[in-house]
């Protein structure tokens, strides 16, 4: 996550991006719920306020618009302080001059249910408990107002991903079926990829990930799976394709990932014999 307010300010850029990441990260779905890598780019070309809090609000809306199922929308606001002796005034949504000339830059981000991240810079020796209470109360009210404005544009995560976004679907198979899906030397899985156009990955636990920007390709790859897991049944007639011919007969592929050796009647007086091999 990147918030680029000014190219030379690499330290501020990294810090602002990290603050926005901390604000949004608790609301992200689990890997099981959403097995995607998420990258949010926030280009701040010019600002007269908090670019990091703008990144929080914009990042939340962008992910909801992209179909990322956030637990709740997230907003942020920067609070300021003018302190003169025992008198003070807490400012909401401070401008650049108020940040530069004021005594505090207090960023508060979160949802309607609570705070997800905080950051405070102060130019005074310290602040009182009263100032902190007032600042947090004003930040809560400000955050609620901003969330309301955001909801006018988008109040829920879109149910469908963008048509241009790659899609990933997962499925689980028994571990003893992994070899059948992969095939000898990866032959079967390469055939699935070649015929469907989808990308297929399988891990040691039998979790298959099928990815493509085309749903029809994903569905085609999914339809391959039941056939690969199917067991050959005894005394059942299969129609197959001769894969190779050898001295004693031939090898016939009668099911994806399944090849049988067929013995020629001439080589055995008892007639032909067929045995299945993977």
C-alpha atoms as a PDB file:
ATOM      1  CA  UNK A   1       0.000   0.000   0.000  1.00  0.00           C
ATOM      2  CA  UNK A   2       1.504   3.294  -1.076  1.00  0.00           C
ATOM      3  CA  UNK A   3       0.555   6.883  -0.402  1.00  0.00           C
ATOM      4  CA  UNK A   4       2.639   9.214  -2.553  1.00  0.00           C
ATOM      5  CA  UNK A   5       2.234  12.802  -1.400  1.00  0.00           C
ATOM      6  CA  UNK A   6       5.628  13.978  -2.603  1.00  0.00           C
ATOM      7  CA  UNK A   7       8.303  12.007  -4.406  1.00  0.00           C
ATOM      8  CA  UNK A   8      11.306  13.191  -2.320  1.00  0.00           C
ATOM      9  CA  UNK A   9       9.556  12.458   0.998  1.00  0.00           C
ATOM     10  CA  UNK A  10      10.263   8.746   1.029  1.00  0.00           C
ATOM     11  CA  UNK A  11      10.075   8.448   4.818  1.00  0.00           C
ATOM     12  CA  UNK A  12       6.679  10.138   4.992  1.00  0.00           C
ATOM     13  CA  UNK A  13       5.458   8.129   2.022  1.00  0.00           C
ATOM     14  CA  UNK A  14       6.387   4.838   3.669  1.00  0.00           C
ATOM     15  CA  UNK A  15       4.940   5.898   7.026  1.00  0.00           C
ATOM     16  CA  UNK A  16       1.680   7.104   5.516  1.00  0.00           C
ATOM     17  CA  UNK A  17       1.303   3.883   3.564  1.00  0.00           C
ATOM     18  CA  UNK A  18       1.989   1.788   6.665  1.00  0.00           C
ATOM     19  CA  UNK A  19      -0.552   3.759   8.696  1.00  0.00           C
ATOM     20  CA  UNK A  20      -3.197   3.217   6.020  1.00  0.00           C
ATOM     21  CA  UNK A  21      -2.291  -0.496   5.867  1.00  0.00           C
ATOM     22  CA  UNK A  22      -2.727  -0.828   9.637  1.00  0.00           C
ATOM     23  CA  UNK A  23      -6.116   0.876   9.411  1.00  0.00           C
ATOM     24  CA  UNK A  24      -7.455  -1.365   6.630  1.00  0.00           C
ATOM     25  CA  UNK A  25      -5.752  -4.686   7.389  1.00  0.00           C
ATOM     26  CA  UNK A  26      -8.051  -5.782  10.288  1.00  0.00           C
ATOM     27  CA  UNK A  27     -11.056  -5.547   7.969  1.00  0.00           C
ATOM     28  CA  UNK A  28      -9.593  -7.735   5.216  1.00  0.00           C
ATOM     29  CA  UNK A  29     -11.096 -11.195   4.589  1.00  0.00           C
ATOM     30  CA  UNK A  30      -9.130 -14.339   5.391  1.00  0.00           C
ATOM     31  CA  UNK A  31      -7.122 -16.158   2.714  1.00  0.00           C
ATOM     32  CA  UNK A  32      -9.758 -18.895   2.705  1.00  0.00           C
ATOM     33  CA  UNK A  33     -12.515 -16.353   2.084  1.00  0.00           C
ATOM     34  CA  UNK A  34     -10.624 -14.384  -0.568  1.00  0.00           C
ATOM     35  CA  UNK A  35      -7.480 -16.127  -1.914  1.00  0.00           C
ATOM     36  CA  UNK A  36      -6.114 -13.087  -3.761  1.00  0.00           C
ATOM     37  CA  UNK A  37      -3.102 -10.844  -3.396  1.00  0.00           C
ATOM     38  CA  UNK A  38      -4.447  -7.309  -2.846  1.00  0.00           C
ATOM     39  CA  UNK A  39      -2.513  -4.228  -3.940  1.00  0.00           C
ATOM     40  CA  UNK A  40      -3.877  -0.748  -3.296  1.00  0.00           C
ATOM     41  CA  UNK A  41      -2.116   2.190  -4.947  1.00  0.00           C
ATOM     42  CA  UNK A  42      -2.962   5.673  -3.666  1.00  0.00           C
ATOM     43  CA  UNK A  43      -1.477   8.471  -5.781  1.00  0.00           C
ATOM     44  CA  UNK A  44      -1.735  11.794  -3.937  1.00  0.00           C
ATOM     45  CA  UNK A  45      -0.834  14.429  -6.529  1.00  0.00           C
ATOM     46  CA  UNK A  46      -1.509  17.377  -4.223  1.00  0.00           C
ATOM     47  CA  UNK A  47      -3.057  17.812  -0.792  1.00  0.00           C
ATOM     48  CA  UNK A  48      -4.111  20.371   1.780  1.00  0.00           C
ATOM     49  CA  UNK A  49      -4.951  17.808   4.416  1.00  0.00           C
ATOM     50  CA  UNK A  50      -4.070  14.292   5.522  1.00  0.00           C
ATOM     51  CA  UNK A  51      -3.006  12.151   2.569  1.00  0.00           C
ATOM     52  CA  UNK A  52      -2.830   9.040   4.766  1.00  0.00           C
ATOM     53  CA  UNK A  53      -6.426   9.436   5.950  1.00  0.00           C
ATOM     54  CA  UNK A  54      -7.495  10.083   2.355  1.00  0.00           C
ATOM     55  CA  UNK A  55      -5.746   6.824   1.469  1.00  0.00           C
ATOM     56  CA  UNK A  56      -7.691   4.985   4.176  1.00  0.00           C
ATOM     57  CA  UNK A  57     -11.032   6.268   2.867  1.00  0.00           C
ATOM     58  CA  UNK A  58     -10.124   5.827  -0.791  1.00  0.00           C
ATOM     59  CA  UNK A  59      -8.550   2.419  -0.188  1.00  0.00           C
ATOM     60  CA  UNK A  60     -11.668   1.180   1.590  1.00  0.00           C
ATOM     61  CA  UNK A  61     -13.952   2.348  -1.232  1.00  0.00           C
ATOM     62  CA  UNK A  62     -11.606   1.004  -3.910  1.00  0.00           C
ATOM     63  CA  UNK A  63     -11.538  -2.493  -2.403  1.00  0.00           C
ATOM     64  CA  UNK A  64     -15.301  -2.535  -1.920  1.00  0.00           C
ATOM     65  CA  UNK A  65     -15.750  -1.430  -5.528  1.00  0.00           C
ATOM     66  CA  UNK A  66     -13.356  -4.183  -6.674  1.00  0.00           C
ATOM     67  CA  UNK A  67     -15.350  -6.839  -4.836  1.00  0.00           C
ATOM     68  CA  UNK A  68     -13.030  -7.398  -1.851  1.00  0.00           C
ATOM     69  CA  UNK A  69     -15.392  -8.479   0.969  1.00  0.00           C
ATOM     70  CA  UNK A  70     -14.298  -6.096   3.737  1.00  0.00           C
ATOM     71  CA  UNK A  71     -15.844  -6.783   7.144  1.00  0.00           C
ATOM     72  CA  UNK A  72     -16.771  -3.081   7.435  1.00  0.00           C
ATOM     73  CA  UNK A  73     -15.927   0.184   5.640  1.00  0.00           C
ATOM     74  CA  UNK A  74     -12.995   2.107   7.137  1.00  0.00           C
ATOM     75  CA  UNK A  75     -12.504   5.887   7.346  1.00  0.00           C
ATOM     76  CA  UNK A  76      -9.905   8.137   8.921  1.00  0.00           C
ATOM     77  CA  UNK A  77      -9.586  11.725  10.094  1.00  0.00           C
ATOM     78  CA  UNK A  78      -6.697  13.933  11.247  1.00  0.00           C
ATOM     79  CA  UNK A  79      -7.210  15.951  14.435  1.00  0.00           C
ATOM     80  CA  UNK A  80      -5.267  19.099  15.386  1.00  0.00           C
ATOM     81  CA  UNK A  81      -4.659  21.116  18.543  1.00  0.00           C
ATOM     82  CA  UNK A  82      -4.140  24.767  19.470  1.00  0.00           C
ATOM     83  CA  UNK A  83      -2.834  25.036  23.040  1.00  0.00           C
ATOM     84  CA  UNK A  84      -2.415  28.333  24.914  1.00  0.00           C
ATOM     85  CA  UNK A  85      -1.628  27.790  28.583  1.00  0.00           C
ATOM     86  CA  UNK A  86      -4.541  25.823  30.005  1.00  0.00           C
ATOM     87  CA  UNK A  87      -6.845  26.776  27.170  1.00  0.00           C
ATOM     88  CA  UNK A  88      -7.049  24.523  24.130  1.00  0.00           C
ATOM     89  CA  UNK A  89      -9.064  23.899  21.003  1.00  0.00           C
ATOM     90  CA  UNK A  90      -9.199  20.565  19.182  1.00  0.00           C
ATOM     91  CA  UNK A  91      -9.533  20.870  15.399  1.00  0.00           C
ATOM     92  CA  UNK A  92     -11.152  18.296  13.132  1.00  0.00           C
ATOM     93  CA  UNK A  93      -9.861  17.410   9.660  1.00  0.00           C
ATOM     94  CA  UNK A  94      -6.917  19.816   9.825  1.00  0.00           C
ATOM     95  CA  UNK A  95      -5.566  21.687   6.814  1.00  0.00           C
ATOM     96  CA  UNK A  96      -1.909  21.981   5.906  1.00  0.00           C
ATOM     97  CA  UNK A  97      -1.405  25.291   7.731  1.00  0.00           C
ATOM     98  CA  UNK A  98      -3.168  23.979  10.823  1.00  0.00           C
ATOM     99  CA  UNK A  99      -0.839  21.002  10.801  1.00  0.00           C
ATOM    100  CA  UNK A 100       2.237  23.207  10.329  1.00  0.00           C
ATOM    101  CA  UNK A 101       1.319  25.906  12.886  1.00  0.00           C
ATOM    102  CA  UNK A 102      -0.655  23.780  15.344  1.00  0.00           C
ATOM    103  CA  UNK A 103       0.524  21.710  18.298  1.00  0.00           C
ATOM    104  CA  UNK A 104      -0.751  18.233  17.360  1.00  0.00           C
ATOM    105  CA  UNK A 105      -1.371  15.960  14.399  1.00  0.00           C
ATOM    106  CA  UNK A 106      -3.509  13.092  15.680  1.00  0.00           C
ATOM    107  CA  UNK A 107      -4.709  10.603  13.061  1.00  0.00           C
ATOM    108  CA  UNK A 108      -7.561   8.270  13.987  1.00  0.00           C
ATOM    109  CA  UNK A 109      -8.899   5.584  11.630  1.00  0.00           C
ATOM    110  CA  UNK A 110     -11.512   2.910  12.105  1.00  0.00           C
ATOM    111  CA  UNK A 111     -14.997   1.646  11.444  1.00  0.00           C
ATOM    112  CA  UNK A 112     -18.400   2.404  12.919  1.00  0.00           C
ATOM    113  CA  UNK A 113     -17.592  -0.157  15.609  1.00  0.00           C
ATOM    114  CA  UNK A 114     -14.162   1.046  16.748  1.00  0.00           C
ATOM    115  CA  UNK A 115     -10.629   2.247  16.041  1.00  0.00           C
ATOM    116  CA  UNK A 116      -8.198   0.233  13.914  1.00  0.00           C
ATOM    117  CA  UNK A 117      -5.152   2.545  13.950  1.00  0.00           C
ATOM    118  CA  UNK A 118      -3.801   5.669  15.643  1.00  0.00           C
ATOM    119  CA  UNK A 119      -0.839   7.967  15.095  1.00  0.00           C
ATOM    120  CA  UNK A 120       0.063  11.115  17.042  1.00  0.00           C
ATOM    121  CA  UNK A 121       2.699  13.807  16.509  1.00  0.00           C
ATOM    122  CA  UNK A 122       2.871  16.607  19.086  1.00  0.00           C
ATOM    123  CA  UNK A 123       4.992  19.762  19.336  1.00  0.00           C
ATOM    124  CA  UNK A 124       4.337  20.314  23.039  1.00  0.00           C
ATOM    125  CA  UNK A 125       5.723  18.505  26.076  1.00  0.00           C
ATOM    126  CA  UNK A 126       2.539  16.478  26.477  1.00  0.00           C
ATOM    127  CA  UNK A 127      -1.240  16.518  26.442  1.00  0.00           C
ATOM    128  CA  UNK A 128      -3.737  16.058  29.245  1.00  0.00           C
ATOM    129  CA  UNK A 129      -6.285  13.305  29.626  1.00  0.00           C
ATOM    130  CA  UNK A 130      -9.008  15.877  28.947  1.00  0.00           C
ATOM    131  CA  UNK A 131      -7.447  16.843  25.596  1.00  0.00           C
ATOM    132  CA  UNK A 132      -7.192  13.168  24.654  1.00  0.00           C
ATOM    133  CA  UNK A 133     -10.824  12.522  25.539  1.00  0.00           C
ATOM    134  CA  UNK A 134     -12.029  15.519  23.539  1.00  0.00           C
ATOM    135  CA  UNK A 135      -9.854  14.589  20.554  1.00  0.00           C
ATOM    136  CA  UNK A 136     -11.094  10.977  20.512  1.00  0.00           C
ATOM    137  CA  UNK A 137     -14.730  12.061  20.857  1.00  0.00           C
ATOM    138  CA  UNK A 138     -14.437  14.568  18.014  1.00  0.00           C
ATOM    139  CA  UNK A 139     -12.602  11.977  15.895  1.00  0.00           C
ATOM    140  CA  UNK A 140     -15.423   9.487  16.471  1.00  0.00           C
ATOM    141  CA  UNK A 141     -18.021  12.004  15.345  1.00  0.00           C
ATOM    142  CA  UNK A 142     -15.901  12.992  12.353  1.00  0.00           C
ATOM    143  CA  UNK A 143     -15.311   9.366  11.381  1.00  0.00           C
ATOM    144  CA  UNK A 144     -19.039   8.656  11.540  1.00  0.00           C
ATOM    145  CA  UNK A 145     -19.743  11.649   9.287  1.00  0.00           C
ATOM    146  CA  UNK A 146     -17.121  10.556   6.734  1.00  0.00           C
ATOM    147  CA  UNK A 147     -18.445   6.979   6.721  1.00  0.00           C
ATOM    148  CA  UNK A 148     -21.886   8.388   6.007  1.00  0.00           C
ATOM    149  CA  UNK A 149     -20.564  10.359   3.043  1.00  0.00           C
ATOM    150  CA  UNK A 150     -18.717   7.301   1.762  1.00  0.00           C
ATOM    151  CA  UNK A 151     -21.909   5.241   2.015  1.00  0.00           C
ATOM    152  CA  UNK A 152     -23.632   7.664  -0.355  1.00  0.00           C
ATOM    153  CA  UNK A 153     -21.181   6.538  -3.037  1.00  0.00           C
ATOM    154  CA  UNK A 154     -20.955   2.850  -2.056  1.00  0.00           C
ATOM    155  CA  UNK A 155     -22.422   1.305   1.080  1.00  0.00           C
ATOM    156  CA  UNK A 156     -21.517  -2.354   0.512  1.00  0.00           C
ATOM    157  CA  UNK A 157     -18.985  -4.552  -1.247  1.00  0.00           C
ATOM    158  CA  UNK A 158     -19.939  -5.383  -4.815  1.00  0.00           C
ATOM    159  CA  UNK A 159     -21.075  -8.991  -5.099  1.00  0.00           C
ATOM    160  CA  UNK A 160     -19.156  -9.630  -8.329  1.00  0.00           C
ATOM    161  CA  UNK A 161     -15.514  -8.990  -9.026  1.00  0.00           C
ATOM    162  CA  UNK A 162     -14.584  -6.682 -11.855  1.00  0.00           C
ATOM    163  CA  UNK A 163     -14.849  -8.328 -15.264  1.00  0.00           C
ATOM    164  CA  UNK A 164     -11.153  -7.531 -15.762  1.00  0.00           C
ATOM    165  CA  UNK A 165     -10.003  -9.043 -12.461  1.00  0.00           C
ATOM    166  CA  UNK A 166      -8.524 -12.548 -12.413  1.00  0.00           C
ATOM    167  CA  UNK A 167     -10.726 -14.958 -10.497  1.00  0.00           C
ATOM    168  CA  UNK A 168      -9.580 -17.735  -8.225  1.00  0.00           C
ATOM    169  CA  UNK A 169     -11.673 -20.674  -7.084  1.00  0.00           C
ATOM    170  CA  UNK A 170     -10.498 -23.393  -4.743  1.00  0.00           C
ATOM    171  CA  UNK A 171     -11.541 -26.992  -4.257  1.00  0.00           C
ATOM    172  CA  UNK A 172     -10.346 -29.845  -2.063  1.00  0.00           C
ATOM    173  CA  UNK A 173      -9.534 -33.394  -3.154  1.00  0.00           C
ATOM    174  CA  UNK A 174      -8.248 -36.367  -1.114  1.00  0.00           C
ATOM    175  CA  UNK A 175      -4.470 -36.522  -0.837  1.00  0.00           C
ATOM    176  CA  UNK A 176      -4.381 -39.953  -2.481  1.00  0.00           C
ATOM    177  CA  UNK A 177      -5.903 -38.403  -5.632  1.00  0.00           C
ATOM    178  CA  UNK A 178      -3.226 -35.727  -6.086  1.00  0.00           C
ATOM    179  CA  UNK A 179      -1.136 -37.933  -8.375  1.00  0.00           C
ATOM    180  CA  UNK A 180      -4.119 -38.581 -10.622  1.00  0.00           C
ATOM    181  CA  UNK A 181      -4.781 -34.867 -11.105  1.00  0.00           C
ATOM    182  CA  UNK A 182      -1.117 -34.075 -11.764  1.00  0.00           C
ATOM    183  CA  UNK A 183      -0.420 -37.127 -13.917  1.00  0.00           C
ATOM    184  CA  UNK A 184       2.918 -38.639 -14.849  1.00  0.00           C
ATOM    185  CA  UNK A 185       5.420 -35.800 -15.166  1.00  0.00           C
ATOM    186  CA  UNK A 186       2.575 -33.295 -14.869  1.00  0.00           C
ATOM    187  CA  UNK A 187       0.950 -34.558 -18.057  1.00  0.00           C
ATOM    188  CA  UNK A 188      -2.667 -34.397 -16.861  1.00  0.00           C
ATOM    189  CA  UNK A 189      -2.488 -30.971 -15.237  1.00  0.00           C
ATOM    190  CA  UNK A 190      -0.746 -29.558 -18.314  1.00  0.00           C
ATOM    191  CA  UNK A 191      -3.518 -30.986 -20.466  1.00  0.00           C
ATOM    192  CA  UNK A 192      -6.149 -29.307 -18.284  1.00  0.00           C
ATOM    193  CA  UNK A 193      -4.349 -25.966 -18.611  1.00  0.00           C
ATOM    194  CA  UNK A 194      -3.892 -26.353 -22.372  1.00  0.00           C
ATOM    195  CA  UNK A 195      -7.506 -27.303 -23.070  1.00  0.00           C
ATOM    196  CA  UNK A 196      -9.282 -24.898 -20.694  1.00  0.00           C
ATOM    197  CA  UNK A 197      -6.937 -21.898 -20.644  1.00  0.00           C
ATOM    198  CA  UNK A 198      -7.188 -21.671 -16.842  1.00  0.00           C
ATOM    199  CA  UNK A 199      -4.210 -21.751 -14.503  1.00  0.00           C
ATOM    200  CA  UNK A 200      -4.312 -24.741 -12.157  1.00  0.00           C
ATOM    201  CA  UNK A 201      -2.196 -25.219  -9.029  1.00  0.00           C
ATOM    202  CA  UNK A 202      -2.388 -27.987  -6.447  1.00  0.00           C
ATOM    203  CA  UNK A 203      -0.593 -28.203  -3.101  1.00  0.00           C
ATOM    204  CA  UNK A 204       0.467 -31.126  -0.911  1.00  0.00           C
ATOM    205  CA  UNK A 205      -2.795 -30.967   1.045  1.00  0.00           C
ATOM    206  CA  UNK A 206      -4.948 -31.508  -2.042  1.00  0.00           C
ATOM    207  CA  UNK A 207      -6.128 -27.902  -2.340  1.00  0.00           C
ATOM    208  CA  UNK A 208      -6.618 -27.020  -6.013  1.00  0.00           C
ATOM    209  CA  UNK A 209      -6.599 -23.357  -7.058  1.00  0.00           C
ATOM    210  CA  UNK A 210      -8.074 -22.559 -10.462  1.00  0.00           C
ATOM    211  CA  UNK A 211      -7.557 -19.019 -11.744  1.00  0.00           C
ATOM    212  CA  UNK A 212      -8.615 -17.126 -14.853  1.00  0.00           C
ATOM    213  CA  UNK A 213     -10.314 -13.865 -15.793  1.00  0.00           C
ATOM    214  CA  UNK A 214     -12.843 -15.956 -17.745  1.00  0.00           C
ATOM    215  CA  UNK A 215     -15.428 -17.823 -15.656  1.00  0.00           C
ATOM    216  CA  UNK A 216     -16.070 -20.318 -18.447  1.00  0.00           C
ATOM    217  CA  UNK A 217     -12.417 -21.385 -18.321  1.00  0.00           C
ATOM    218  CA  UNK A 218     -12.614 -21.902 -14.564  1.00  0.00           C
ATOM    219  CA  UNK A 219     -15.777 -23.944 -14.915  1.00  0.00           C
ATOM    220  CA  UNK A 220     -14.213 -26.035 -17.676  1.00  0.00           C
ATOM    221  CA  UNK A 221     -11.227 -26.790 -15.448  1.00  0.00           C
ATOM    222  CA  UNK A 222     -13.533 -27.675 -12.547  1.00  0.00           C
ATOM    223  CA  UNK A 223     -15.394 -30.149 -14.741  1.00  0.00           C
ATOM    224  CA  UNK A 224     -12.176 -32.014 -15.350  1.00  0.00           C
ATOM    225  CA  UNK A 225     -11.774 -32.902 -11.712  1.00  0.00           C
ATOM    226  CA  UNK A 226     -14.517 -35.502 -11.220  1.00  0.00           C
ATOM    227  CA  UNK A 227     -13.227 -37.486 -14.161  1.00  0.00           C
ATOM    228  CA  UNK A 228      -9.698 -37.512 -12.788  1.00  0.00           C
ATOM    229  CA  UNK A 229     -10.897 -38.766  -9.440  1.00  0.00           C
ATOM    230  CA  UNK A 230     -13.091 -41.483 -10.898  1.00  0.00           C
ATOM    231  CA  UNK A 231     -12.036 -45.056 -10.139  1.00  0.00           C
ATOM    232  CA  UNK A 232     -11.875 -47.723 -12.805  1.00  0.00           C
ATOM    233  CA  UNK A 233     -14.462 -50.426 -12.139  1.00  0.00           C
ATOM    234  CA  UNK A 234     -13.905 -54.135 -12.675  1.00  0.00           C
ATOM    235  CA  UNK A 235     -15.889 -55.880 -15.441  1.00  0.00           C
ATOM    236  CA  UNK A 236     -16.801 -52.518 -16.993  1.00  0.00           C
ATOM    237  CA  UNK A 237     -16.351 -51.831 -20.712  1.00  0.00           C
ATOM    238  CA  UNK A 238     -14.495 -48.589 -21.552  1.00  0.00           C
ATOM    239  CA  UNK A 239     -13.787 -47.032 -24.922  1.00  0.00           C
ATOM    240  CA  UNK A 240     -10.169 -45.935 -25.097  1.00  0.00           C
ATOM    241  CA  UNK A 241      -7.434 -44.543 -27.291  1.00  0.00           C
ATOM    242  CA  UNK A 242      -4.298 -46.545 -28.058  1.00  0.00           C
ATOM    243  CA  UNK A 243      -1.432 -44.644 -26.454  1.00  0.00           C
ATOM    244  CA  UNK A 244       1.388 -46.958 -27.579  1.00  0.00           C
ATOM    245  CA  UNK A 245       1.977 -50.398 -29.091  1.00  0.00           C
ATOM    246  CA  UNK A 246       4.456 -52.849 -27.533  1.00  0.00           C
ATOM    247  CA  UNK A 247       5.541 -56.453 -28.208  1.00  0.00           C
ATOM    248  CA  UNK A 248       2.892 -58.028 -25.986  1.00  0.00           C
ATOM    249  CA  UNK A 249       0.000 -55.742 -27.003  1.00  0.00           C
ATOM    250  CA  UNK A 250      -0.745 -52.066 -26.373  1.00  0.00           C
ATOM    251  CA  UNK A 251      -1.322 -49.390 -23.768  1.00  0.00           C
ATOM    252  CA  UNK A 252      -4.769 -47.825 -23.993  1.00  0.00           C
ATOM    253  CA  UNK A 253      -5.894 -44.572 -22.334  1.00  0.00           C
ATOM    254  CA  UNK A 254      -9.516 -45.206 -21.346  1.00  0.00           C
ATOM    255  CA  UNK A 255     -10.019 -42.401 -18.842  1.00  0.00           C
ATOM    256  CA  UNK A 256      -8.123 -39.147 -18.200  1.00  0.00           C
ATOM    257  CA  UNK A 257      -5.104 -40.127 -16.133  1.00  0.00           C
ATOM    258  CA  UNK A 258      -5.845 -43.863 -16.544  1.00  0.00           C
ATOM    259  CA  UNK A 259      -4.001 -46.177 -18.914  1.00  0.00           C
ATOM    260  CA  UNK A 260      -4.468 -49.947 -19.291  1.00  0.00           C
ATOM    261  CA  UNK A 261      -2.110 -52.522 -20.737  1.00  0.00           C
ATOM    262  CA  UNK A 262      -3.925 -54.777 -23.216  1.00  0.00           C
ATOM    263  CA  UNK A 263      -2.309 -58.140 -23.953  1.00  0.00           C
ATOM    264  CA  UNK A 264      -2.643 -59.504 -27.502  1.00  0.00           C
ATOM    265  CA  UNK A 265      -4.533 -62.831 -27.824  1.00  0.00           C
ATOM    266  CA  UNK A 266      -1.644 -64.181 -29.905  1.00  0.00           C
ATOM    267  CA  UNK A 267       0.783 -63.749 -27.021  1.00  0.00           C
ATOM    268  CA  UNK A 268      -1.387 -65.746 -24.578  1.00  0.00           C
ATOM    269  CA  UNK A 269      -3.326 -68.889 -25.319  1.00  0.00           C
ATOM    270  CA  UNK A 270      -5.945 -67.931 -22.790  1.00  0.00           C
ATOM    271  CA  UNK A 271      -6.927 -64.844 -24.680  1.00  0.00           C
ATOM    272  CA  UNK A 272      -6.515 -61.176 -24.003  1.00  0.00           C
ATOM    273  CA  UNK A 273      -5.953 -59.727 -20.543  1.00  0.00           C
ATOM    274  CA  UNK A 274      -6.297 -56.107 -19.530  1.00  0.00           C
ATOM    275  CA  UNK A 275      -4.848 -54.490 -16.417  1.00  0.00           C
ATOM    276  CA  UNK A 276      -5.174 -50.873 -15.436  1.00  0.00           C
ATOM    277  CA  UNK A 277      -2.179 -48.747 -14.559  1.00  0.00           C
ATOM    278  CA  UNK A 278      -1.917 -45.088 -13.739  1.00  0.00           C
END
